[in-house]
Amino acid sequence: MKFYDSFGMNPRIVRFFLLEKGLELDREEVDLFTMENRREPHLSRNPSGQTPVLELDDGTCLAETGAICEYLEEKRPQPPLIGSTAEERAVTRMWWRRVEINICLPMLYGFYFGEGLEIFRERTHCLPEAAEGMKERGRKGMQWLDPLLEDGKWLAGNRFTVADICLYCYIDALKGIGQPIPAGCSKLDAWFTRVGLRPAAGPSVSQELPIGLTG
């Protein structure tokens, strides 16, 4: 297998996932600054031109973060980051989807349409007038989540999962770019600190490239 990597939140989610699994893959960096992701051969791997991409041994390319993580979980079930039973997997996917819809995507669009506008206006359809509304939606999502978190636990309870990885990577990337954790969200703050202390958190950052952008 080969992992086509770059800077950005979604590639970092996969790197974090791989580190938690103890998996090492052949890796190739895709240069987003020179638009390598928007031309061949990358477009043959992923017609949307985004990263990450996982190329399997038979040439199949998986181009969505969720699909990549689900595949790796099936290939390397231990330690489980989605779940060991149907019930655990369902709970993980529920929380994964909740944080994506209510927090991660609004924050991302707030950045695309705001601070990242000059970079992304030629890469995706941008609505500058929606920037503040998207940021507000992300803040409200974090405020909604805060009281639901139990002290010392993860999103799915006692299990650290890909849902935690996903939310952490988005908040960590954007908290210093106009979208901090809202004041008063003490449980979310504590959760964020605990995730950051995991051994995989630091090494999952692409040190040579800036965080906060995706392809």
Protein backbone atom coordinates (compact mmCIF):
# COMPACT_ATOMS: atom_id res chain seq x y z
CA MET A 1 0.00 0.00 0.00
CA LYS A 2 1.02 3.62 -0.55
CA PHE A 3 -0.26 6.62 1.36
CA TYR A 4 -0.48 9.89 -0.58
CA ASP A 5 -0.12 12.53 2.09
CA SER A 6 -0.06 16.31 2.42
CA PHE A 7 -0.64 18.98 5.01
CA GLY A 8 -4.20 19.51 6.21
CA MET A 9 -6.65 18.13 8.73
CA ASN A 10 -7.82 15.03 6.87
CA PRO A 11 -4.33 13.72 6.05
CA ARG A 12 -3.43 14.31 9.70
CA ILE A 13 -6.43 12.24 10.81
CA VAL A 14 -5.06 9.29 8.83
CA ARG A 15 -1.52 9.84 10.16
CA PHE A 16 -2.86 9.93 13.73
CA PHE A 17 -4.90 6.78 13.02
CA LEU A 18 -1.85 4.97 11.60
CA LEU A 19 0.28 5.91 14.60
CA GLU A 20 -2.35 4.68 17.04
CA LYS A 21 -2.49 1.42 15.08
CA GLY A 22 1.29 1.10 14.93
CA LEU A 23 1.11 0.90 11.13
CA GLU A 24 3.83 2.14 8.78
CA LEU A 25 3.06 2.63 5.10
CA ASP A 26 5.00 3.77 2.08
CA ARG A 27 4.30 7.48 1.90
CA GLU A 28 4.44 10.04 -0.88
CA GLU A 29 3.97 13.76 -0.29
CA VAL A 30 1.58 15.56 -2.66
CA ASP A 31 2.55 19.22 -3.14
CA LEU A 32 -0.61 21.26 -2.77
CA PHE A 33 1.20 24.56 -3.21
CA THR A 34 2.21 23.72 -6.78
CA MET A 35 -1.27 22.22 -7.43
CA GLU A 36 0.20 18.75 -7.94
CA ASN A 37 -3.08 17.44 -6.56
CA ARG A 38 -5.02 19.12 -9.38
CA ARG A 39 -3.27 17.38 -12.27
CA GLU A 40 -2.25 13.89 -13.36
CA PRO A 41 -1.35 11.42 -12.06
CA HIS A 42 -3.08 12.46 -8.83
CA LEU A 43 -6.43 13.10 -10.54
CA SER A 44 -6.45 9.47 -11.65
CA ARG A 45 -6.14 8.48 -8.01
CA ASN A 46 -8.82 10.91 -6.87
CA PRO A 47 -10.92 12.84 -9.41
CA SER A 48 -11.74 15.47 -6.75
CA GLY A 49 -8.03 16.27 -6.52
CA GLN A 50 -7.98 16.04 -2.73
CA THR A 51 -5.81 14.29 -0.18
CA PRO A 52 -5.37 11.86 1.49
CA VAL A 53 -5.40 8.85 -0.84
CA LEU A 54 -4.55 5.27 0.01
CA GLU A 55 -3.48 3.16 -2.97
CA LEU A 56 -3.96 -0.55 -2.34
CA ASP A 57 -1.71 -3.29 -3.64
CA ASP A 58 -4.14 -4.08 -6.47
CA GLY A 59 -4.17 -0.45 -7.61
CA THR A 60 -7.51 0.47 -6.03
CA CYS A 61 -7.43 4.01 -4.64
CA LEU A 62 -9.38 5.00 -1.54
CA ALA A 63 -9.78 8.75 -1.48
CA GLU A 64 -12.05 9.58 1.48
CA THR A 65 -10.68 9.80 5.01
CA GLY A 66 -13.52 7.74 6.45
CA ALA A 67 -13.13 5.01 3.86
CA ILE A 68 -9.37 4.87 4.47
CA CYS A 69 -9.78 4.56 8.24
CA GLU A 70 -12.54 1.94 7.91
CA TYR A 71 -10.35 -0.12 5.57
CA LEU A 72 -7.33 0.08 7.87
CA GLU A 73 -9.47 -0.92 10.84
CA GLU A 74 -10.58 -4.05 9.03
CA LYS A 75 -7.02 -4.90 8.04
CA ARG A 76 -5.61 -4.15 11.51
CA PRO A 77 -8.43 -4.57 14.04
CA GLN A 78 -6.18 -4.04 17.06
CA PRO A 79 -6.21 -1.68 18.77
CA PRO A 80 -9.81 -0.94 17.77
CA LEU A 81 -10.36 2.71 16.85
CA ILE A 82 -13.84 2.20 15.42
CA GLY A 83 -15.01 -0.76 17.45
CA SER A 84 -14.83 -4.48 18.12
CA THR A 85 -18.58 -5.13 18.00
CA ALA A 86 -21.46 -3.92 15.87
CA GLU A 87 -22.67 -1.83 18.80
CA GLU A 88 -19.29 -0.20 19.38
CA ARG A 89 -18.85 0.57 15.71
CA ALA A 90 -22.31 2.12 15.52
CA VAL A 91 -21.64 4.38 18.52
CA THR A 92 -18.29 5.46 17.09
CA ARG A 93 -19.80 6.26 13.70
CA MET A 94 -22.61 8.17 15.37
CA TRP A 95 -20.20 10.45 17.23
CA TRP A 96 -17.88 10.71 14.24
CA ARG A 97 -20.74 11.95 12.10
CA ARG A 98 -22.04 14.28 14.79
CA VAL A 99 -18.75 16.11 15.22
CA GLU A 100 -18.15 16.27 11.47
CA ILE A 101 -21.54 17.83 10.76
CA ASN A 102 -21.88 20.09 13.79
CA ILE A 103 -18.30 21.23 14.33
CA CYS A 104 -15.64 20.19 11.82
CA LEU A 105 -17.29 21.11 8.53
CA PRO A 106 -18.67 24.47 9.73
CA MET A 107 -15.24 25.38 11.10
CA LEU A 108 -13.60 24.34 7.85
CA TYR A 109 -15.97 26.41 5.72
CA GLY A 110 -15.53 29.34 8.08
CA PHE A 111 -11.83 29.17 7.34
CA TYR A 112 -12.23 28.62 3.59
CA PHE A 113 -14.57 31.58 3.30
CA GLY A 114 -12.63 33.77 5.72
CA GLU A 115 -8.92 33.66 6.50
CA GLY A 116 -8.23 31.10 3.75
CA LEU A 117 -10.23 32.84 1.05
CA GLU A 118 -7.29 34.01 -1.09
CA ILE A 119 -5.92 30.48 -1.15
CA PHE A 120 -9.18 28.64 -1.73
CA ARG A 121 -11.21 30.94 -3.98
CA GLU A 122 -9.59 29.29 -7.03
CA ARG A 123 -9.82 25.77 -5.60
CA THR A 124 -13.41 25.49 -4.43
CA HIS A 125 -16.67 27.43 -4.50
CA CYS A 126 -16.36 30.03 -1.73
CA LEU A 127 -19.06 32.16 -0.10
CA PRO A 128 -17.26 34.95 1.79
CA GLU A 129 -20.55 36.24 3.14
CA ALA A 130 -21.08 32.92 4.94
CA ALA A 131 -17.75 32.90 6.82
CA GLU A 132 -18.99 34.31 10.11
CA GLY A 133 -22.15 32.21 10.04
CA MET A 134 -20.11 29.03 9.56
CA LYS A 135 -17.80 29.97 12.42
CA GLU A 136 -20.81 30.64 14.64
CA ARG A 137 -22.26 27.27 13.75
CA GLY A 138 -18.96 25.61 14.70
CA ARG A 139 -18.95 27.48 18.03
CA LYS A 140 -22.51 26.42 18.75
CA GLY A 141 -21.56 22.84 17.93
CA MET A 142 -18.75 22.94 20.48
CA GLN A 143 -21.05 24.49 23.06
CA TRP A 144 -23.61 21.75 22.37
CA LEU A 145 -20.97 19.04 22.81
CA ASP A 146 -19.39 20.39 26.00
CA PRO A 147 -22.03 19.27 28.54
CA LEU A 148 -22.31 15.87 26.85
CA LEU A 149 -18.68 15.01 27.60
CA GLU A 150 -18.08 12.98 30.73
CA ASP A 151 -15.05 13.79 32.87
CA GLY A 152 -12.06 11.68 31.90
CA LYS A 153 -13.88 9.96 29.05
CA TRP A 154 -13.84 10.15 25.27
CA LEU A 155 -16.59 10.90 22.78
CA ALA A 156 -17.66 7.25 22.71
CA GLY A 157 -17.29 6.81 26.46
CA ASN A 158 -14.37 4.74 27.71
CA ARG A 159 -13.04 4.09 24.19
CA PHE A 160 -10.67 6.42 22.36
CA THR A 161 -11.82 6.34 18.74
CA VAL A 162 -11.44 7.90 15.33
CA ALA A 163 -14.22 10.33 16.32
CA ASP A 164 -11.83 11.84 18.89
CA ILE A 165 -9.03 11.95 16.32
CA CYS A 166 -11.23 13.71 13.78
CA LEU A 167 -12.50 16.42 16.12
CA TYR A 168 -9.07 16.98 17.66
CA CYS A 169 -7.35 17.48 14.31
CA TYR A 170 -9.89 20.09 13.19
CA ILE A 171 -9.89 22.03 16.44
CA ASP A 172 -6.10 21.90 16.71
CA ALA A 173 -5.70 23.23 13.17
CA LEU A 174 -8.21 26.07 13.44
CA LYS A 175 -8.18 27.17 17.07
CA GLY A 176 -5.35 29.61 16.33
CA ILE A 177 -6.96 30.91 13.15
CA GLY A 178 -9.95 32.71 14.58
CA GLN A 179 -11.86 29.68 15.89
CA PRO A 180 -10.82 28.89 19.47
CA ILE A 181 -12.74 26.63 21.80
CA PRO A 182 -15.47 28.91 23.19
CA ALA A 183 -15.09 30.33 26.68
CA GLY A 184 -16.85 28.22 29.27
CA CYS A 185 -16.37 24.90 27.45
CA SER A 186 -14.26 23.46 30.26
CA LYS A 187 -15.07 19.82 29.51
CA LEU A 188 -14.15 20.24 25.86
CA ASP A 189 -10.95 22.01 26.90
CA ALA A 190 -10.03 19.14 29.20
CA TRP A 191 -10.83 16.57 26.51
CA PHE A 192 -8.70 18.47 23.98
CA THR A 193 -5.75 18.55 26.41
CA ARG A 194 -6.02 14.81 27.04
CA VAL A 195 -6.05 13.97 23.34
CA GLY A 196 -3.01 16.19 22.85
CA LEU A 197 -1.12 14.17 25.46
CA ARG A 198 -1.49 10.93 23.54
CA PRO A 199 1.85 9.74 22.10
CA ALA A 200 0.48 9.85 18.54
CA ALA A 201 -0.77 13.44 18.71
CA GLY A 202 2.51 15.31 18.27
CA PRO A 203 4.10 13.03 15.65
CA SER A 204 0.90 13.14 13.57
CA VAL A 205 1.59 16.79 12.72
CA SER A 206 3.26 17.33 9.35
CA GLN A 207 6.09 19.41 10.75
CA GLU A 208 7.44 20.74 7.48
CA LEU A 209 4.14 22.20 6.28
CA PRO A 210 1.52 24.51 7.79
CA ILE A 211 -1.57 23.11 9.46
CA GLY A 212 -5.01 24.48 8.68
CA LEU A 213 -5.36 23.79 4.97
CA THR A 214 -6.66 20.90 2.90
CA GLY A 215 -6.42 20.05 -0.76
